[in-house]
C-alpha atoms as a PDB file:
ATOM      1  CA  MET A   1     105.176 102.968 127.596  1.00  0.00           C
ATOM      2  CA  LYS A   2     103.017 100.915 125.231  1.00  0.00           C
ATOM      3  CA  LYS A   3      99.842 102.592 126.499  1.00  0.00           C
ATOM      4  CA  THR A   4     101.396 106.041 126.089  1.00  0.00           C
ATOM      5  CA  PHE A   5     102.504 105.192 122.552  1.00  0.00           C
ATOM      6  CA  LEU A   6      99.039 104.000 121.563  1.00  0.00           C
ATOM      7  CA  LYS A   7      97.398 107.074 123.076  1.00  0.00           C
ATOM      8  CA  VAL A   8      99.660 109.312 121.024  1.00  0.00           C
ATOM      9  CA  LEU A   9      98.988 107.278 117.880  1.00  0.00           C
ATOM     10  CA  PHE A  10      95.313 107.916 118.482  1.00  0.00           C
ATOM     11  CA  MET A  11      95.910 111.663 118.276  1.00  0.00           C
ATOM     12  CA  PHE A  12      97.102 111.342 114.676  1.00  0.00           C
ATOM     13  CA  ILE A  13      93.604 110.458 113.585  1.00  0.00           C
ATOM     14  CA  CYS A  14      91.163 111.631 116.239  1.00  0.00           C
ATOM     15  CA  PHE A  15      91.511 115.208 115.213  1.00  0.00           C
ATOM     16  CA  GLY A  16      89.788 114.171 111.961  1.00  0.00           C
ATOM     17  CA  VAL A  17      86.842 112.968 114.018  1.00  0.00           C
ATOM     18  CA  LEU A  18      85.906 116.106 116.003  1.00  0.00           C
ATOM     19  CA  PHE A  19      83.829 118.507 115.057  1.00  0.00           C
ATOM     20  CA  ALA A  20      88.879 133.560 117.728  1.00  0.00           C
ATOM     21  CA  ALA A  21      88.886 138.505 118.581  1.00  0.00           C
ATOM     22  CA  GLY A  22      92.171 137.619 120.204  1.00  0.00           C
ATOM     23  CA  SER A  23      93.566 138.609 123.530  1.00  0.00           C
ATOM     24  CA  LYS A  24      97.285 139.239 123.373  1.00  0.00           C
ATOM     25  CA  GLU A  25     100.037 138.791 125.873  1.00  0.00           C
ATOM     26  CA  GLN A  26     101.877 142.090 125.819  1.00  0.00           C
ATOM     27  CA  THR A  27     105.635 141.640 125.704  1.00  0.00           C
ATOM     28  CA  SER A  28     106.258 145.366 125.408  1.00  0.00           C
ATOM     29  CA  LYS A  29     104.318 148.503 124.640  1.00  0.00           C
ATOM     30  CA  ASP A  30     104.832 148.124 120.916  1.00  0.00           C
ATOM     31  CA  SER A  31     104.812 144.364 120.370  1.00  0.00           C
ATOM     32  CA  VAL A  32     102.717 141.290 120.925  1.00  0.00           C
ATOM     33  CA  LYS A  33     103.510 137.643 121.376  1.00  0.00           C
ATOM     34  CA  VAL A  34     101.865 135.577 118.668  1.00  0.00           C
ATOM     35  CA  LYS A  35     100.393 132.264 119.813  1.00  0.00           C
ATOM     36  CA  ILE A  36     100.137 129.263 117.503  1.00  0.00           C
ATOM     37  CA  VAL A  37      98.531 126.003 118.652  1.00  0.00           C
ATOM     38  CA  MET A  38      98.142 122.539 117.185  1.00  0.00           C
ATOM     39  CA  PRO A  39      97.299 119.004 118.320  1.00  0.00           C
ATOM     40  CA  THR A  40     100.078 116.505 118.715  1.00  0.00           C
ATOM     41  CA  GLY A  41     100.516 114.171 115.763  1.00  0.00           C
ATOM     42  CA  ALA A  42     100.723 115.006 112.079  1.00  0.00           C
ATOM     43  CA  PRO A  43      99.958 118.737 112.586  1.00  0.00           C
ATOM     44  CA  ALA A  44     102.825 119.078 115.055  1.00  0.00           C
ATOM     45  CA  VAL A  45     105.147 117.097 112.775  1.00  0.00           C
ATOM     46  CA  SER A  46     104.293 119.349 109.827  1.00  0.00           C
ATOM     47  CA  ILE A  47     105.435 122.436 111.704  1.00  0.00           C
ATOM     48  CA  SER A  48     108.124 120.802 113.859  1.00  0.00           C
ATOM     49  CA  LYS A  49     110.973 122.843 112.381  1.00  0.00           C
ATOM     50  CA  LEU A  50     109.321 126.128 113.344  1.00  0.00           C
ATOM     51  CA  VAL A  51     108.246 124.894 116.776  1.00  0.00           C
ATOM     52  CA  TYR A  52     111.712 123.588 117.639  1.00  0.00           C
ATOM     53  CA  GLU A  53     113.875 126.324 116.108  1.00  0.00           C
ATOM     54  CA  LYS A  54     111.513 129.213 116.975  1.00  0.00           C
ATOM     55  CA  PRO A  55     112.673 131.729 114.350  1.00  0.00           C
ATOM     56  CA  MET A  56     111.672 135.364 114.752  1.00  0.00           C
ATOM     57  CA  ILE A  57     108.910 136.084 112.247  1.00  0.00           C
ATOM     58  CA  ASN A  58     108.340 139.643 111.070  1.00  0.00           C
ATOM     59  CA  ASN A  59     110.064 140.889 114.234  1.00  0.00           C
ATOM     60  CA  LEU A  60     107.394 139.341 116.456  1.00  0.00           C
ATOM     61  CA  GLU A  61     108.031 136.644 119.013  1.00  0.00           C
ATOM     62  CA  THR A  62     106.022 133.499 118.359  1.00  0.00           C
ATOM     63  CA  GLU A  63     104.915 131.050 121.019  1.00  0.00           C
ATOM     64  CA  TYR A  64     103.948 127.516 119.987  1.00  0.00           C
ATOM     65  CA  GLU A  65     101.814 125.121 121.980  1.00  0.00           C
ATOM     66  CA  VAL A  66     101.425 121.428 121.139  1.00  0.00           C
ATOM     67  CA  LEU A  67      98.255 120.202 122.809  1.00  0.00           C
ATOM     68  CA  ALA A  68      97.415 116.663 123.843  1.00  0.00           C
ATOM     69  CA  ARG A  69      93.732 116.794 122.934  1.00  0.00           C
ATOM     70  CA  PRO A  70      91.969 118.301 119.913  1.00  0.00           C
ATOM     71  CA  GLU A  71      89.227 119.817 122.049  1.00  0.00           C
ATOM     72  CA  LEU A  72      91.876 121.989 123.706  1.00  0.00           C
ATOM     73  CA  VAL A  73      92.828 123.381 120.298  1.00  0.00           C
ATOM     74  CA  GLN A  74      89.189 124.194 119.610  1.00  0.00           C
ATOM     75  CA  SER A  75      88.910 125.916 122.986  1.00  0.00           C
ATOM     76  CA  ARG A  76      92.003 128.054 122.348  1.00  0.00           C
ATOM     77  CA  ILE A  77      90.606 129.192 119.006  1.00  0.00           C
ATOM     78  CA  MET A  78      87.070 129.943 120.150  1.00  0.00           C
ATOM     79  CA  SER A  79      88.260 131.850 123.234  1.00  0.00           C
ATOM     80  CA  GLY A  80      90.588 134.007 121.140  1.00  0.00           C
ATOM     81  CA  GLU A  81      93.639 132.809 123.042  1.00  0.00           C
ATOM     82  CA  ALA A  82      95.237 131.409 119.897  1.00  0.00           C
ATOM     83  CA  ASP A  83      96.082 133.601 116.921  1.00  0.00           C
ATOM     84  CA  ILE A  84      96.828 130.762 114.505  1.00  0.00           C
ATOM     85  CA  ALA A  85      96.040 127.052 114.727  1.00  0.00           C
ATOM     86  CA  ILE A  86      96.235 123.812 112.791  1.00  0.00           C
ATOM     87  CA  VAL A  87      92.913 121.983 112.984  1.00  0.00           C
ATOM     88  CA  PRO A  88      90.891 119.324 111.167  1.00  0.00           C
ATOM     89  CA  THR A  89      89.486 121.031 108.079  1.00  0.00           C
ATOM     90  CA  ASN A  90      85.915 120.124 108.974  1.00  0.00           C
ATOM     91  CA  LEU A  91      86.442 121.568 112.479  1.00  0.00           C
ATOM     92  CA  ALA A  92      87.513 124.855 110.894  1.00  0.00           C
ATOM     93  CA  SER A  93      84.187 124.879 109.044  1.00  0.00           C
ATOM     94  CA  VAL A  94      82.276 124.102 112.242  1.00  0.00           C
ATOM     95  CA  ILE A  95      83.993 126.901 114.178  1.00  0.00           C
ATOM     96  CA  TYR A  96      83.383 129.354 111.352  1.00  0.00           C
ATOM     97  CA  SER A  97      79.691 128.468 111.338  1.00  0.00           C
ATOM     98  CA  LYS A  98      79.513 129.413 115.015  1.00  0.00           C
ATOM     99  CA  GLN A  99      81.677 132.518 115.244  1.00  0.00           C
ATOM    100  CA  LYS A 100      82.760 133.741 111.787  1.00  0.00           C
ATOM    101  CA  ASN A 101      85.945 135.052 113.427  1.00  0.00           C
ATOM    102  CA  ILE A 102      88.483 132.783 111.737  1.00  0.00           C
ATOM    103  CA  ARG A 103      89.888 132.598 108.239  1.00  0.00           C
ATOM    104  CA  LEU A 104      91.329 129.569 106.502  1.00  0.00           C
ATOM    105  CA  LEU A 105      94.942 130.270 105.533  1.00  0.00           C
ATOM    106  CA  GLY A 106      95.423 126.981 103.701  1.00  0.00           C
ATOM    107  CA  SER A 107      95.682 123.220 104.069  1.00  0.00           C
ATOM    108  CA  ILE A 108      98.716 121.243 105.232  1.00  0.00           C
ATOM    109  CA  ILE A 109      97.836 117.553 105.814  1.00  0.00           C
ATOM    110  CA  TRP A 110      96.455 115.774 102.757  1.00  0.00           C
ATOM    111  CA  GLY A 111      95.264 112.471 104.172  1.00  0.00           C
ATOM    112  CA  ASN A 112      96.965 109.583 105.965  1.00  0.00           C
ATOM    113  CA  LEU A 113      94.469 106.695 105.674  1.00  0.00           C
ATOM    114  CA  TYR A 114      95.458 103.370 104.105  1.00  0.00           C
ATOM    115  CA  VAL A 115      93.932  99.916 103.677  1.00  0.00           C
ATOM    116  CA  ILE A 116      96.417  97.237 104.725  1.00  0.00           C
ATOM    117  CA  SER A 117      96.359  93.464 104.304  1.00  0.00           C
ATOM    118  CA  SER A 118      98.292  90.394 105.372  1.00  0.00           C
ATOM    119  CA  GLU A 119      96.894  88.357 102.483  1.00  0.00           C
ATOM    120  CA  PRO A 120      97.404  88.801  98.740  1.00  0.00           C
ATOM    121  CA  ILE A 121      95.042  91.402  97.272  1.00  0.00           C
ATOM    122  CA  SER A 122      95.889  92.712  93.816  1.00  0.00           C
ATOM    123  CA  SER A 123      92.897  94.944  93.092  1.00  0.00           C
ATOM    124  CA  ILE A 124      90.168  96.779  94.948  1.00  0.00           C
ATOM    125  CA  ASN A 125      87.544  94.529  93.353  1.00  0.00           C
ATOM    126  CA  GLU A 126      89.037  91.586  95.237  1.00  0.00           C
ATOM    127  CA  LEU A 127      87.831  93.197  98.460  1.00  0.00           C
ATOM    128  CA  LYS A 128      84.230  92.320  97.579  1.00  0.00           C
ATOM    129  CA  GLY A 129      82.837  89.995 100.226  1.00  0.00           C
ATOM    130  CA  LYS A 130      85.854  90.492 102.487  1.00  0.00           C
ATOM    131  CA  THR A 131      85.809  91.556 106.127  1.00  0.00           C
ATOM    132  CA  ILE A 132      87.562  94.850 106.792  1.00  0.00           C
ATOM    133  CA  TYR A 133      88.409  96.015 110.276  1.00  0.00           C
ATOM    134  CA  SER A 134      87.970  99.739 110.807  1.00  0.00           C
ATOM    135  CA  PHE A 135      87.498 102.184 113.650  1.00  0.00           C
ATOM    136  CA  GLY A 136      84.776 104.620 114.616  1.00  0.00           C
ATOM    137  CA  ARG A 137      81.603 103.833 112.703  1.00  0.00           C
ATOM    138  CA  ASN A 138      80.185 106.861 110.851  1.00  0.00           C
ATOM    139  CA  ILE A 139      82.925 109.291 111.856  1.00  0.00           C
ATOM    140  CA  VAL A 140      85.051 111.340 109.448  1.00  0.00           C
ATOM    141  CA  PRO A 141      87.715 108.698 108.619  1.00  0.00           C
ATOM    142  CA  ASP A 142      84.999 106.092 108.098  1.00  0.00           C
ATOM    143  CA  ILE A 143      83.086 108.391 105.741  1.00  0.00           C
ATOM    144  CA  THR A 144      86.289 109.252 103.870  1.00  0.00           C
ATOM    145  CA  SER A 145      87.217 105.613 103.350  1.00  0.00           C
ATOM    146  CA  LYS A 146      83.738 104.575 102.259  1.00  0.00           C
ATOM    147  CA  GLU A 147      83.638 107.372  99.690  1.00  0.00           C
ATOM    148  CA  ILE A 148      86.631 105.800  97.959  1.00  0.00           C
ATOM    149  CA  PHE A 149      85.049 102.347  97.996  1.00  0.00           C
ATOM    150  CA  LYS A 150      81.902 103.805  96.433  1.00  0.00           C
ATOM    151  CA  ARG A 151      83.864 105.664  93.781  1.00  0.00           C
ATOM    152  CA  ASN A 152      85.503 102.367  92.851  1.00  0.00           C
ATOM    153  CA  GLY A 153      82.171 100.647  92.371  1.00  0.00           C
ATOM    154  CA  LEU A 154      81.826  98.883  95.718  1.00  0.00           C
ATOM    155  CA  ASP A 155      78.781  99.401  97.906  1.00  0.00           C
ATOM    156  CA  PRO A 156      80.166  99.582 101.463  1.00  0.00           C
ATOM    157  CA  ASP A 157      76.863  98.365 102.891  1.00  0.00           C
ATOM    158  CA  LYS A 158      76.390  95.409 100.547  1.00  0.00           C
ATOM    159  CA  ASP A 159      79.754  94.423  99.085  1.00  0.00           C
ATOM    160  CA  LEU A 160      81.946  94.762 102.173  1.00  0.00           C
ATOM    161  CA  ASN A 161      81.715  93.456 105.717  1.00  0.00           C
ATOM    162  CA  PHE A 162      82.954  95.943 108.305  1.00  0.00           C
ATOM    163  CA  GLU A 163      84.028  95.023 111.806  1.00  0.00           C
ATOM    164  CA  TYR A 164      84.488  98.118 113.945  1.00  0.00           C
ATOM    165  CA  VAL A 165      86.794  98.592 116.879  1.00  0.00           C
ATOM    166  CA  ALA A 166      86.392 101.529 119.224  1.00  0.00           C
ATOM    167  CA  ALA A 167      89.448 103.547 118.189  1.00  0.00           C
ATOM    168  CA  ILE A 168      92.519 103.583 115.959  1.00  0.00           C
ATOM    169  CA  VAL A 169      94.634 102.264 118.862  1.00  0.00           C
ATOM    170  CA  ASP A 170      92.643  99.027 118.699  1.00  0.00           C
ATOM    171  CA  ILE A 171      93.636  98.255 115.101  1.00  0.00           C
ATOM    172  CA  PRO A 172      97.260  97.121 115.746  1.00  0.00           C
ATOM    173  CA  PRO A 173      96.371  94.373 118.279  1.00  0.00           C
ATOM    174  CA  VAL A 174      93.714  92.754 116.080  1.00  0.00           C
ATOM    175  CA  PHE A 175      95.850  92.993 112.952  1.00  0.00           C
ATOM    176  CA  ILE A 176      99.184  91.908 114.396  1.00  0.00           C
ATOM    177  CA  SER A 177      97.520  88.963 116.152  1.00  0.00           C
ATOM    178  CA  GLY A 178      96.075  87.790 112.835  1.00  0.00           C
ATOM    179  CA  LYS A 179      92.460  88.245 113.872  1.00  0.00           C
ATOM    180  CA  ALA A 180      92.119  90.908 111.183  1.00  0.00           C
ATOM    181  CA  LYS A 181      93.466  90.141 107.728  1.00  0.00           C
ATOM    182  CA  ILE A 182      92.432  93.472 106.194  1.00  0.00           C
ATOM    183  CA  ALA A 183      92.152  96.785 108.028  1.00  0.00           C
ATOM    184  CA  ILE A 184      91.902 100.525 107.593  1.00  0.00           C
ATOM    185  CA  ALA A 185      94.630 102.365 109.473  1.00  0.00           C
ATOM    186  CA  ALA A 186      96.279 105.762 109.545  1.00  0.00           C
ATOM    187  CA  GLU A 187      99.905 106.717 109.646  1.00  0.00           C
ATOM    188  CA  PRO A 188     101.914 106.328 111.815  1.00  0.00           C
ATOM    189  CA  VAL A 189      99.882 103.272 112.882  1.00  0.00           C
ATOM    190  CA  VAL A 190     100.602 101.722 109.473  1.00  0.00           C
ATOM    191  CA  SER A 191     104.368 102.048 109.915  1.00  0.00           C
ATOM    192  CA  MET A 192     104.180 100.715 113.452  1.00  0.00           C
ATOM    193  CA  ILE A 193     102.224  97.656 112.258  1.00  0.00           C
ATOM    194  CA  MET A 194     104.695  97.049 109.430  1.00  0.00           C
ATOM    195  CA  THR A 195     107.537  97.115 111.939  1.00  0.00           C
ATOM    196  CA  LYS A 196     105.822  94.414 113.992  1.00  0.00           C
ATOM    197  CA  LYS A 197     104.382  92.450 111.039  1.00  0.00           C
ATOM    198  CA  PRO A 198     106.712  92.841 108.025  1.00  0.00           C
ATOM    199  CA  ASP A 199     104.474  90.919 105.613  1.00  0.00           C
ATOM    200  CA  THR A 200     101.862  93.693 105.821  1.00  0.00           C
ATOM    201  CA  LYS A 201     101.067  95.343 102.487  1.00  0.00           C
ATOM    202  CA  ILE A 202      99.314  98.609 101.674  1.00  0.00           C
ATOM    203  CA  ILE A 203      96.629  97.527  99.218  1.00  0.00           C
ATOM    204  CA  LEU A 204      94.778 100.818  98.930  1.00  0.00           C
ATOM    205  CA  ASP A 205      96.291 104.284  99.233  1.00  0.00           C
ATOM    206  CA  ILE A 206      93.211 106.348 100.080  1.00  0.00           C
ATOM    207  CA  PRO A 207      94.839 109.782  99.515  1.00  0.00           C
ATOM    208  CA  ALA A 208      96.088 108.629  96.103  1.00  0.00           C
ATOM    209  CA  GLU A 209      92.661 107.226  95.240  1.00  0.00           C
ATOM    210  CA  TRP A 210      91.031 110.502  96.303  1.00  0.00           C
ATOM    211  CA  LYS A 211      93.227 112.319  93.797  1.00  0.00           C
ATOM    212  CA  LYS A 212      91.897 110.116  90.998  1.00  0.00           C
ATOM    213  CA  PHE A 213      88.306 111.120  91.649  1.00  0.00           C
ATOM    214  CA  PHE A 214      88.696 114.709  92.834  1.00  0.00           C
ATOM    215  CA  GLY A 215      90.659 116.545  90.195  1.00  0.00           C
ATOM    216  CA  GLY A 216      94.145 115.444  91.167  1.00  0.00           C
ATOM    217  CA  GLU A 217      93.950 116.643  94.760  1.00  0.00           C
ATOM    218  CA  SER A 218      93.791 114.540  97.902  1.00  0.00           C
ATOM    219  CA  TYR A 219      91.483 115.340 100.802  1.00  0.00           C
ATOM    220  CA  PRO A 220      92.660 118.261 102.963  1.00  0.00           C
ATOM    221  CA  GLN A 221      92.526 116.524 106.316  1.00  0.00           C
ATOM    222  CA  ALA A 222      94.032 119.367 108.351  1.00  0.00           C
ATOM    223  CA  SER A 223      94.199 123.091 107.680  1.00  0.00           C
ATOM    224  CA  VAL A 224      95.657 126.266 109.120  1.00  0.00           C
ATOM    225  CA  VAL A 225      93.350 128.995 110.424  1.00  0.00           C
ATOM    226  CA  VAL A 226      93.938 132.497 111.730  1.00  0.00           C
ATOM    227  CA  ASN A 227      91.972 134.761 114.014  1.00  0.00           C
ATOM    228  CA  ALA A 228      90.325 137.279 111.678  1.00  0.00           C
ATOM    229  CA  GLU A 229      91.092 140.284 113.863  1.00  0.00           C
ATOM    230  CA  PHE A 230      94.736 139.257 114.200  1.00  0.00           C
ATOM    231  CA  ALA A 231      95.028 138.855 110.429  1.00  0.00           C
ATOM    232  CA  LYS A 232      93.558 142.317 109.936  1.00  0.00           C
ATOM    233  CA  LYS A 233      96.001 143.933 112.381  1.00  0.00           C
ATOM    234  CA  HIS A 234      99.092 141.972 111.346  1.00  0.00           C
ATOM    235  CA  PRO A 235      98.882 141.133 107.628  1.00  0.00           C
ATOM    236  CA  GLU A 236     102.664 141.316 107.227  1.00  0.00           C
ATOM    237  CA  TYR A 237     103.129 138.686 109.913  1.00  0.00           C
ATOM    238  CA  VAL A 238     100.624 136.378 108.229  1.00  0.00           C
ATOM    239  CA  VAL A 239     102.455 136.639 104.899  1.00  0.00           C
ATOM    240  CA  SER A 240     105.824 135.941 106.544  1.00  0.00           C
ATOM    241  CA  PHE A 241     104.437 133.067 108.602  1.00  0.00           C
ATOM    242  CA  LEU A 242     102.936 131.372 105.547  1.00  0.00           C
ATOM    243  CA  LYS A 243     106.293 131.566 103.778  1.00  0.00           C
ATOM    244  CA  GLU A 244     108.000 129.960 106.791  1.00  0.00           C
ATOM    245  CA  LEU A 245     105.276 127.332 107.069  1.00  0.00           C
ATOM    246  CA  LYS A 246     105.564 126.306 103.433  1.00  0.00           C
ATOM    247  CA  GLU A 247     109.343 126.007 103.756  1.00  0.00           C
ATOM    248  CA  SER A 248     108.968 124.009 106.970  1.00  0.00           C
ATOM    249  CA  ALA A 249     106.642 121.509 105.277  1.00  0.00           C
ATOM    250  CA  VAL A 250     109.149 121.005 102.451  1.00  0.00           C
ATOM    251  CA  TRP A 251     111.974 120.582 104.970  1.00  0.00           C
ATOM    252  CA  VAL A 252     110.059 117.941 106.943  1.00  0.00           C
ATOM    253  CA  ASN A 253     109.586 115.817 103.830  1.00  0.00           C
ATOM    254  CA  GLN A 254     113.217 116.159 102.808  1.00  0.00           C
ATOM    255  CA  ASN A 255     114.621 115.515 106.290  1.00  0.00           C
ATOM    256  CA  ALA A 256     112.369 112.869 107.805  1.00  0.00           C
ATOM    257  CA  PRO A 257     114.843 111.534 110.441  1.00  0.00           C
ATOM    258  CA  GLN A 258     115.626 115.024 111.744  1.00  0.00           C
ATOM    259  CA  ALA A 259     111.957 116.010 111.598  1.00  0.00           C
ATOM    260  CA  ALA A 260     111.132 112.914 113.655  1.00  0.00           C
ATOM    261  CA  ASP A 261     113.815 113.958 116.136  1.00  0.00           C
ATOM    262  CA  TYR A 262     112.462 117.524 116.333  1.00  0.00           C
ATOM    263  CA  SER A 263     108.947 116.161 116.734  1.00  0.00           C
ATOM    264  CA  GLY A 264     109.990 114.065 119.702  1.00  0.00           C
ATOM    265  CA  LYS A 265     111.595 117.085 121.319  1.00  0.00           C
ATOM    266  CA  ILE A 266     108.422 119.173 121.024  1.00  0.00           C
ATOM    267  CA  GLY A 267     106.196 116.521 122.549  1.00  0.00           C
ATOM    268  CA  VAL A 268     105.194 114.052 119.826  1.00  0.00           C
ATOM    269  CA  GLU A 269     105.739 110.744 121.621  1.00  0.00           C
ATOM    270  CA  ILE A 270     106.170 108.428 118.666  1.00  0.00           C
ATOM    271  CA  PRO A 271     109.424 106.425 118.436  1.00  0.00           C
ATOM    272  CA  LYS A 272     111.774 108.169 116.047  1.00  0.00           C
ATOM    273  CA  PRO A 273     112.303 105.159 113.699  1.00  0.00           C
ATOM    274  CA  VAL A 274     108.550 104.673 113.309  1.00  0.00           C
ATOM    275  CA  LEU A 275     107.805 108.346 112.754  1.00  0.00           C
ATOM    276  CA  SER A 276     110.696 108.763 110.327  1.00  0.00           C
ATOM    277  CA  LYS A 277     109.288 105.916 108.245  1.00  0.00           C
ATOM    278  CA  ALA A 278     105.752 107.324 108.465  1.00  0.00           C
ATOM    279  CA  ILE A 279     106.471 110.934 107.455  1.00  0.00           C
ATOM    280  CA  PRO A 280     106.420 110.378 103.664  1.00  0.00           C
ATOM    281  CA  LYS A 281     102.924 108.910 104.001  1.00  0.00           C
ATOM    282  CA  LEU A 282     101.581 111.716 106.200  1.00  0.00           C
ATOM    283  CA  ASN A 283     101.213 113.763 102.991  1.00  0.00           C
ATOM    284  CA  ILE A 284     102.468 117.034 104.417  1.00  0.00           C
ATOM    285  CA  SER A 285     102.319 119.899 101.930  1.00  0.00           C
ATOM    286  CA  PHE A 286     101.096 123.447 102.413  1.00  0.00           C
ATOM    287  CA  ALA A 287      98.723 125.023  99.888  1.00  0.00           C
ATOM    288  CA  GLU A 288      97.375 128.516 100.510  1.00  0.00           C
ATOM    289  CA  ALA A 289      93.630 129.079 100.738  1.00  0.00           C
ATOM    290  CA  GLU A 290      93.129 130.170  97.139  1.00  0.00           C
ATOM    291  CA  LYS A 291      94.794 127.018  95.803  1.00  0.00           C
ATOM    292  CA  ALA A 292      93.281 124.693  98.406  1.00  0.00           C
ATOM    293  CA  ARG A 293      89.713 125.978  98.160  1.00  0.00           C
ATOM    294  CA  ARG A 294      88.483 123.564  95.492  1.00  0.00           C
ATOM    295  CA  ALA A 295      89.820 120.580  97.452  1.00  0.00           C
ATOM    296  CA  VAL A 296      88.413 121.916 100.725  1.00  0.00           C
ATOM    297  CA  GLU A 297      84.953 122.407  99.267  1.00  0.00           C
ATOM    298  CA  GLY A 298      84.984 118.982  97.625  1.00  0.00           C
ATOM    299  CA  TYR A 299      85.954 117.331 100.902  1.00  0.00           C
ATOM    300  CA  LEU A 300      83.397 119.245 102.957  1.00  0.00           C
ATOM    301  CA  LYS A 301      80.651 118.352 100.478  1.00  0.00           C
ATOM    302  CA  VAL A 302      81.385 114.647 100.907  1.00  0.00           C
ATOM    303  CA  LEU A 303      81.196 114.975 104.695  1.00  0.00           C
ATOM    304  CA  ALA A 304      78.028 117.078 104.522  1.00  0.00           C
ATOM    305  CA  GLU A 305      76.307 114.445 102.387  1.00  0.00           C
ATOM    306  CA  ALA A 306      76.873 111.980 105.215  1.00  0.00           C
ATOM    307  CA  ASP A 307      75.757 114.455 107.892  1.00  0.00           C
ATOM    308  CA  PRO A 308      75.754 118.285 107.685  1.00  0.00           C
ATOM    309  CA  LYS A 309      76.826 118.484 111.337  1.00  0.00           C
ATOM    310  CA  PHE A 310      80.333 117.448 110.299  1.00  0.00           C
ATOM    311  CA  ILE A 311      80.843 120.848 108.659  1.00  0.00           C
ATOM    312  CA  GLY A 312      78.628 123.026 110.865  1.00  0.00           C
ATOM    313  CA  GLY A 313      75.479 122.726 108.791  1.00  0.00           C
ATOM    314  CA  LYS A 314      76.536 124.175 105.451  1.00  0.00           C
ATOM    315  CA  LEU A 315      79.540 125.060 103.327  1.00  0.00           C
ATOM    316  CA  PRO A 316      81.441 128.162 104.485  1.00  0.00           C
ATOM    317  CA  ASP A 317      80.953 131.287 102.414  1.00  0.00           C
ATOM    318  CA  ASP A 318      83.592 133.223 100.502  1.00  0.00           C
ATOM    319  CA  ALA A 319      84.752 135.158 103.587  1.00  0.00           C
ATOM    320  CA  PHE A 320      86.030 131.934 105.149  1.00  0.00           C
ATOM    321  CA  TYR A 321      88.966 131.828 102.758  1.00  0.00           C
ATOM    322  CA  TYR A 322      91.811 134.214 103.615  1.00  0.00           C
ATOM    323  CA  LYS A 323      92.849 136.673 100.957  1.00  0.00           C
ATOM    324  CA  ALA A 324      96.164 138.444 101.343  1.00  0.00           C
ATOM    325  CA  LYS A 325      95.930 142.198 101.039  1.00  0.00           C
END
């Protein structure tokens, strides 16, 4: 059970590490079944109300699939099997650079990285000279965290000592055991650690810090994309779906225990008490493409400065951003 739990925790962050013509299943002569896919973890939680309750949208049946691995989501999109998907924002950019057949509908997860400590730390400057445990050297979460340290006047290469573990699932053992005093972790790992080690404190809220330096907006960690051909053929469905999605995101934040329950029933294998506690810090909020664009471009620029491969080589052009007709 413990191994399963840790594997699922890993999915909450690994989708931020990775770098659609659509075939339709005919349900009748005049209708299609819409397919929406997402990785387990925060993306599935954000849309859990829709996945569990399965409301009819614009008179079309909608099928949801929660996938265990992010690469399966990418495969569904690139093959055209999925009409709509929730993906890491940088992955959306990578896919667009290869196929140009998706459009970004908006962003829904606005960061879930935090710096935690078991010793008193009252300001970010007190981290200078400290050892921080993190995961995945030079991957997207690592780049995101280091950007905030730099913006606060700390040189990650000179002022901080990083000890890297292989994956996010390796952070709880080293922190709970006391080997690590300071660590970078993502929700719901943070809530799980706090349950096991109550003296743990969040000393740096990375999404909140990002807002300070990027015009009041956090980093759009995960976004919603649509197959361009599907959007062209079914614009009314897209409009209705976005309305439902926005309402679902609000509901999740206002009903964390029930959202955690729904999430468990659709395949998110995180204990309900832990997930319920974590939901407020998953930063779930849907912003349509037009409103999210500035934040998306700012985030992609930071990743591209580290390595252009993280966004597919260059920033997406104007056509990437969905515009309702």
